[in-house]
């Protein structure tokens, strides 16, 4: 139970840290946010919990393939905002487009027989 609280605290601390740094410098905030912190934390927590290198390798490979459709979000959001779409609608539309791209990527990987 203590380990879960530690994981929760560290994960939440990183999110708050990135948002606070982003208020002062979008460049440094972007640098921190672009590092795959969630992936690194998840891989670390799984390793600590299981010591299963095969599971870590599989997760890492899956993350690689699914990062590609997630990048669409970072293209769509600024475009919606540029055209003065309400922030929350821009966020919602960008997330919806990203989810659609995830489905397309999973289907494409399956058609190409690429294990993810």
N, C-alpha and C. Protein backbone atom coordinates (compact mmCIF):
# COMPACT_ATOMS: atom_id res chain seq x y z
N UNK A 1 0.82 -1.19 0.00
CA UNK A 1 0.00 0.00 0.00
C UNK A 1 0.87 1.26 0.00
N UNK A 2 1.95 1.24 0.75
CA UNK A 2 2.83 2.41 0.82
C UNK A 2 3.43 2.69 -0.56
N UNK A 3 3.79 1.63 -1.29
CA UNK A 3 4.39 1.82 -2.61
C UNK A 3 3.39 2.48 -3.56
N UNK A 4 2.12 2.14 -3.48
CA UNK A 4 1.10 2.78 -4.31
C UNK A 4 0.99 4.27 -3.99
N UNK A 5 1.08 4.61 -2.74
CA UNK A 5 1.02 6.03 -2.34
C UNK A 5 2.24 6.77 -2.86
N UNK A 6 3.41 6.13 -2.79
CA UNK A 6 4.64 6.74 -3.32
C UNK A 6 4.52 6.95 -4.83
N UNK A 7 4.01 5.94 -5.55
CA UNK A 7 3.82 6.07 -7.00
C UNK A 7 2.86 7.21 -7.32
N UNK A 8 1.78 7.29 -6.59
CA UNK A 8 0.79 8.34 -6.79
C UNK A 8 1.39 9.72 -6.53
N UNK A 9 2.13 9.83 -5.44
CA UNK A 9 2.75 11.11 -5.08
C UNK A 9 3.75 11.57 -6.14
N UNK A 10 4.63 10.68 -6.56
CA UNK A 10 5.65 11.04 -7.56
C UNK A 10 5.00 11.42 -8.88
N UNK A 11 4.01 10.64 -9.30
CA UNK A 11 3.33 10.92 -10.57
C UNK A 11 2.62 12.27 -10.52
N UNK A 12 1.89 12.53 -9.44
CA UNK A 12 1.17 13.80 -9.30
C UNK A 12 2.15 14.97 -9.21
N UNK A 13 3.24 14.78 -8.50
CA UNK A 13 4.25 15.82 -8.36
C UNK A 13 4.81 16.23 -9.72
N UNK A 14 5.07 15.27 -10.58
CA UNK A 14 5.60 15.59 -11.91
C UNK A 14 4.60 16.39 -12.73
N UNK A 15 3.34 16.04 -12.66
CA UNK A 15 2.31 16.78 -13.41
C UNK A 15 2.24 18.22 -12.91
N UNK A 16 2.20 18.40 -11.61
CA UNK A 16 2.13 19.75 -11.05
C UNK A 16 3.40 20.53 -11.41
N UNK A 17 4.54 19.90 -11.31
CA UNK A 17 5.81 20.55 -11.63
C UNK A 17 5.83 21.04 -13.08
N UNK A 18 5.41 20.19 -14.00
CA UNK A 18 5.39 20.58 -15.41
C UNK A 18 4.43 21.74 -15.64
N UNK A 19 3.25 21.69 -15.04
CA UNK A 19 2.29 22.78 -15.26
C UNK A 19 2.78 24.09 -14.67
N UNK A 20 3.44 24.04 -13.52
CA UNK A 20 3.96 25.27 -12.91
C UNK A 20 5.13 25.83 -13.71
N UNK A 21 6.02 24.97 -14.18
CA UNK A 21 7.15 25.43 -15.00
C UNK A 21 6.63 26.01 -16.31
N UNK A 22 5.58 25.40 -16.89
CA UNK A 22 5.01 25.89 -18.15
C UNK A 22 4.43 27.29 -18.02
N UNK A 23 3.95 27.65 -16.83
CA UNK A 23 3.44 29.01 -16.62
C UNK A 23 4.55 30.04 -16.76
N UNK A 24 5.75 29.66 -16.39
CA UNK A 24 6.88 30.59 -16.42
C UNK A 24 7.64 30.54 -17.74
N UNK A 25 7.73 29.35 -18.32
CA UNK A 25 8.47 29.19 -19.58
C UNK A 25 7.84 28.06 -20.39
N UNK A 26 7.21 28.43 -21.50
CA UNK A 26 6.59 27.39 -22.32
C UNK A 26 7.65 26.47 -22.92
N UNK A 27 8.86 27.00 -23.16
CA UNK A 27 9.93 26.16 -23.71
C UNK A 27 10.32 25.07 -22.72
N UNK A 28 10.62 25.45 -21.48
CA UNK A 28 11.03 24.44 -20.49
C UNK A 28 9.88 23.51 -20.14
N UNK A 29 8.68 24.05 -20.09
CA UNK A 29 7.51 23.21 -19.86
C UNK A 29 7.32 22.19 -20.97
N UNK A 30 7.51 22.65 -22.21
CA UNK A 30 7.39 21.75 -23.36
C UNK A 30 8.48 20.68 -23.36
N UNK A 31 9.67 21.07 -22.99
CA UNK A 31 10.76 20.09 -22.92
C UNK A 31 10.42 19.00 -21.90
N UNK A 32 9.97 19.42 -20.72
CA UNK A 32 9.61 18.43 -19.70
C UNK A 32 8.41 17.60 -20.12
N UNK A 33 7.42 18.24 -20.72
CA UNK A 33 6.21 17.52 -21.13
C UNK A 33 6.49 16.57 -22.30
N UNK A 34 7.46 16.90 -23.13
CA UNK A 34 7.74 16.05 -24.29
C UNK A 34 8.53 14.79 -23.92
N UNK A 35 9.19 14.82 -22.79
CA UNK A 35 9.86 13.61 -22.31
C UNK A 35 8.75 12.63 -21.93
N UNK A 36 8.85 11.40 -22.37
CA UNK A 36 7.76 10.46 -22.09
C UNK A 36 7.72 10.04 -20.62
N UNK A 37 7.44 11.02 -19.75
CA UNK A 37 7.47 10.76 -18.31
C UNK A 37 6.49 9.68 -17.88
N UNK A 38 5.28 9.71 -18.44
CA UNK A 38 4.30 8.70 -18.06
C UNK A 38 4.80 7.32 -18.46
N UNK A 39 5.36 7.21 -19.66
CA UNK A 39 5.88 5.93 -20.11
C UNK A 39 7.05 5.47 -19.25
N UNK A 40 7.96 6.38 -18.96
CA UNK A 40 9.12 6.04 -18.13
C UNK A 40 8.67 5.61 -16.73
N UNK A 41 7.72 6.35 -16.17
CA UNK A 41 7.20 5.97 -14.85
C UNK A 41 6.51 4.61 -14.89
N UNK A 42 5.67 4.39 -15.89
CA UNK A 42 4.97 3.12 -16.00
C UNK A 42 5.95 1.96 -16.15
N UNK A 43 6.95 2.15 -17.00
CA UNK A 43 7.97 1.11 -17.19
C UNK A 43 8.71 0.85 -15.89
N UNK A 44 9.06 1.91 -15.19
CA UNK A 44 9.78 1.77 -13.91
C UNK A 44 8.92 1.06 -12.88
N UNK A 45 7.65 1.49 -12.76
CA UNK A 45 6.77 0.85 -11.76
C UNK A 45 6.57 -0.63 -12.09
N UNK A 46 6.38 -0.96 -13.38
CA UNK A 46 6.20 -2.35 -13.76
C UNK A 46 7.45 -3.16 -13.45
N UNK A 47 8.61 -2.59 -13.75
CA UNK A 47 9.85 -3.31 -13.46
C UNK A 47 10.01 -3.56 -11.97
N UNK A 48 9.75 -2.53 -11.18
CA UNK A 48 9.87 -2.69 -9.72
C UNK A 48 8.89 -3.75 -9.23
N UNK A 49 7.67 -3.75 -9.78
CA UNK A 49 6.66 -4.71 -9.35
C UNK A 49 6.93 -6.13 -9.82
N UNK A 50 7.41 -6.29 -11.07
CA UNK A 50 7.47 -7.64 -11.67
C UNK A 50 8.87 -8.13 -12.04
N UNK A 51 9.79 -7.22 -12.28
CA UNK A 51 11.13 -7.55 -12.81
C UNK A 51 11.04 -8.30 -14.14
N UNK A 52 9.91 -8.15 -14.84
CA UNK A 52 9.65 -8.87 -16.09
C UNK A 52 10.14 -8.05 -17.28
N UNK A 53 11.33 -8.36 -17.76
CA UNK A 53 11.94 -7.64 -18.87
C UNK A 53 11.14 -7.82 -20.15
N UNK A 54 10.56 -8.99 -20.35
CA UNK A 54 9.75 -9.24 -21.55
C UNK A 54 8.52 -8.33 -21.58
N UNK A 55 7.89 -8.15 -20.44
CA UNK A 55 6.73 -7.26 -20.36
C UNK A 55 7.13 -5.82 -20.63
N UNK A 56 8.28 -5.42 -20.10
CA UNK A 56 8.79 -4.06 -20.33
C UNK A 56 9.09 -3.85 -21.81
N UNK A 57 9.72 -4.83 -22.43
CA UNK A 57 10.04 -4.75 -23.85
C UNK A 57 8.78 -4.64 -24.69
N UNK A 58 7.79 -5.45 -24.38
CA UNK A 58 6.52 -5.43 -25.11
C UNK A 58 5.82 -4.08 -24.94
N UNK A 59 5.77 -3.58 -23.73
CA UNK A 59 5.15 -2.28 -23.48
C UNK A 59 5.88 -1.18 -24.24
N UNK A 60 7.19 -1.21 -24.21
CA UNK A 60 7.99 -0.19 -24.90
C UNK A 60 7.71 -0.19 -26.40
N UNK A 61 7.64 -1.37 -26.99
CA UNK A 61 7.35 -1.48 -28.43
C UNK A 61 5.94 -0.97 -28.73
N UNK A 62 4.98 -1.30 -27.91
CA UNK A 62 3.61 -0.84 -28.11
C UNK A 62 3.53 0.69 -28.00
N UNK A 63 4.24 1.24 -27.02
CA UNK A 63 4.26 2.69 -26.86
C UNK A 63 4.81 3.36 -28.11
N UNK A 64 5.87 2.79 -28.67
CA UNK A 64 6.46 3.36 -29.88
C UNK A 64 5.40 3.51 -30.97
N UNK A 65 4.68 2.43 -31.27
CA UNK A 65 3.70 2.46 -32.34
C UNK A 65 2.55 3.41 -32.05
N UNK A 66 2.18 3.54 -30.79
CA UNK A 66 1.02 4.36 -30.46
C UNK A 66 1.35 5.82 -30.16
N UNK A 67 2.62 6.15 -30.13
CA UNK A 67 3.00 7.56 -30.02
C UNK A 67 2.66 8.28 -31.32
N UNK A 68 2.80 7.59 -32.41
CA UNK A 68 2.58 8.20 -33.72
C UNK A 68 1.18 8.83 -33.83
N UNK A 69 0.09 8.09 -33.54
CA UNK A 69 -1.22 8.75 -33.63
C UNK A 69 -1.45 9.82 -32.56
N UNK A 70 -0.75 9.72 -31.44
CA UNK A 70 -0.93 10.73 -30.40
C UNK A 70 -0.39 12.09 -30.84
N UNK A 71 0.54 12.10 -31.76
CA UNK A 71 1.11 13.36 -32.25
C UNK A 71 0.08 14.21 -32.98
N UNK A 72 -0.95 13.57 -33.51
CA UNK A 72 -2.01 14.29 -34.21
C UNK A 72 -2.66 15.32 -33.28
N UNK A 73 -2.77 14.98 -32.00
CA UNK A 73 -3.35 15.90 -31.02
C UNK A 73 -2.60 17.23 -31.03
N UNK A 74 -1.27 17.17 -31.09
CA UNK A 74 -0.45 18.38 -31.00
C UNK A 74 -0.43 19.17 -32.30
N UNK A 75 -0.98 18.59 -33.35
CA UNK A 75 -1.18 19.33 -34.59
C UNK A 75 -2.58 19.95 -34.60
N UNK A 76 -3.57 19.16 -34.19
CA UNK A 76 -4.96 19.60 -34.24
C UNK A 76 -5.26 20.72 -33.25
N UNK A 77 -4.80 20.58 -32.02
CA UNK A 77 -5.15 21.57 -30.99
C UNK A 77 -4.74 23.00 -31.37
N UNK A 78 -3.49 23.24 -31.76
CA UNK A 78 -3.14 24.61 -32.13
C UNK A 78 -3.90 25.11 -33.36
N UNK A 79 -4.26 24.20 -34.27
CA UNK A 79 -5.03 24.63 -35.44
C UNK A 79 -6.42 25.09 -35.03
N UNK A 80 -7.09 24.33 -34.18
CA UNK A 80 -8.41 24.75 -33.70
C UNK A 80 -8.32 26.08 -32.95
N UNK A 81 -7.31 26.21 -32.12
CA UNK A 81 -7.16 27.44 -31.35
C UNK A 81 -6.83 28.63 -32.25
N UNK A 82 -6.05 28.37 -33.29
CA UNK A 82 -5.71 29.43 -34.25
C UNK A 82 -6.97 29.99 -34.91
N UNK A 83 -7.92 29.11 -35.17
CA UNK A 83 -9.17 29.54 -35.79
C UNK A 83 -10.22 29.91 -34.75
N UNK A 84 -9.75 30.20 -33.56
CA UNK A 84 -10.54 30.74 -32.46
C UNK A 84 -11.73 29.86 -32.05
N UNK A 85 -11.54 28.55 -32.15
CA UNK A 85 -12.53 27.63 -31.60
C UNK A 85 -12.34 27.66 -30.09
N UNK A 86 -13.45 27.65 -29.37
CA UNK A 86 -13.41 27.65 -27.91
C UNK A 86 -12.41 26.61 -27.40
N UNK A 87 -11.67 26.96 -26.34
CA UNK A 87 -10.61 26.07 -25.83
C UNK A 87 -11.13 24.67 -25.55
N UNK A 88 -12.24 24.56 -24.83
CA UNK A 88 -12.73 23.23 -24.44
C UNK A 88 -13.21 22.43 -25.65
N UNK A 89 -13.81 23.11 -26.62
CA UNK A 89 -14.19 22.42 -27.86
C UNK A 89 -12.95 22.00 -28.64
N UNK A 90 -11.96 22.88 -28.68
CA UNK A 90 -10.70 22.54 -29.36
C UNK A 90 -10.06 21.31 -28.73
N UNK A 91 -10.05 21.29 -27.41
CA UNK A 91 -9.49 20.15 -26.68
C UNK A 91 -10.29 18.88 -26.99
N UNK A 92 -11.61 18.98 -26.94
CA UNK A 92 -12.47 17.84 -27.21
C UNK A 92 -12.30 17.33 -28.64
N UNK A 93 -12.32 18.23 -29.61
CA UNK A 93 -12.15 17.83 -31.02
C UNK A 93 -10.78 17.21 -31.25
N UNK A 94 -9.76 17.80 -30.67
CA UNK A 94 -8.39 17.28 -30.83
C UNK A 94 -8.27 15.89 -30.23
N UNK A 95 -8.86 15.70 -29.06
CA UNK A 95 -8.84 14.37 -28.43
C UNK A 95 -9.62 13.36 -29.26
N UNK A 96 -10.75 13.78 -29.81
CA UNK A 96 -11.56 12.87 -30.63
C UNK A 96 -10.80 12.45 -31.89
N UNK A 97 -10.13 13.40 -32.51
CA UNK A 97 -9.33 13.09 -33.70
C UNK A 97 -8.20 12.13 -33.33
N UNK A 98 -7.57 12.38 -32.20
CA UNK A 98 -6.48 11.51 -31.75
C UNK A 98 -6.99 10.08 -31.51
N UNK A 99 -8.13 9.95 -30.85
CA UNK A 99 -8.69 8.61 -30.59
C UNK A 99 -8.99 7.91 -31.91
N UNK A 100 -9.56 8.64 -32.86
CA UNK A 100 -9.81 8.07 -34.18
C UNK A 100 -8.51 7.57 -34.80
N UNK A 101 -7.45 8.37 -34.69
CA UNK A 101 -6.15 7.97 -35.24
C UNK A 101 -5.58 6.74 -34.54
N UNK A 102 -5.86 6.60 -33.23
CA UNK A 102 -5.45 5.37 -32.53
C UNK A 102 -6.12 4.16 -33.17
N UNK A 103 -7.43 4.25 -33.41
CA UNK A 103 -8.14 3.13 -34.02
C UNK A 103 -7.59 2.81 -35.40
N UNK A 104 -7.31 3.86 -36.18
CA UNK A 104 -6.74 3.66 -37.51
C UNK A 104 -5.38 2.98 -37.41
N UNK A 105 -4.54 3.42 -36.48
CA UNK A 105 -3.21 2.84 -36.33
C UNK A 105 -3.29 1.37 -35.92
N UNK A 106 -4.15 1.07 -34.96
CA UNK A 106 -4.29 -0.32 -34.51
C UNK A 106 -4.76 -1.20 -35.67
N UNK A 107 -5.72 -0.71 -36.44
CA UNK A 107 -6.20 -1.46 -37.60
C UNK A 107 -5.09 -1.64 -38.63
N UNK A 108 -4.34 -0.58 -38.90
CA UNK A 108 -3.24 -0.64 -39.87
C UNK A 108 -2.16 -1.63 -39.42
N UNK A 109 -1.80 -1.58 -38.15
CA UNK A 109 -0.79 -2.50 -37.63
C UNK A 109 -1.27 -3.95 -37.76
N UNK A 110 -2.54 -4.17 -37.50
CA UNK A 110 -3.11 -5.52 -37.64
C UNK A 110 -3.07 -5.98 -39.09
N UNK A 111 -3.45 -5.10 -40.02
CA UNK A 111 -3.43 -5.44 -41.44
C UNK A 111 -2.01 -5.76 -41.93
N UNK A 112 -1.03 -5.06 -41.36
CA UNK A 112 0.37 -5.27 -41.75
C UNK A 112 1.05 -6.38 -40.94
N UNK A 113 0.27 -7.03 -40.07
CA UNK A 113 0.79 -8.09 -39.20
C UNK A 113 1.99 -7.64 -38.36
N UNK A 114 1.90 -6.42 -37.88
CA UNK A 114 2.94 -5.90 -36.99
C UNK A 114 2.45 -6.08 -35.56
N UNK A 115 3.23 -6.80 -34.78
CA UNK A 115 2.87 -7.02 -33.37
C UNK A 115 3.16 -5.76 -32.56
N UNK A 116 2.19 -5.35 -31.81
CA UNK A 116 2.35 -4.16 -30.99
C UNK A 116 1.97 -4.46 -29.58
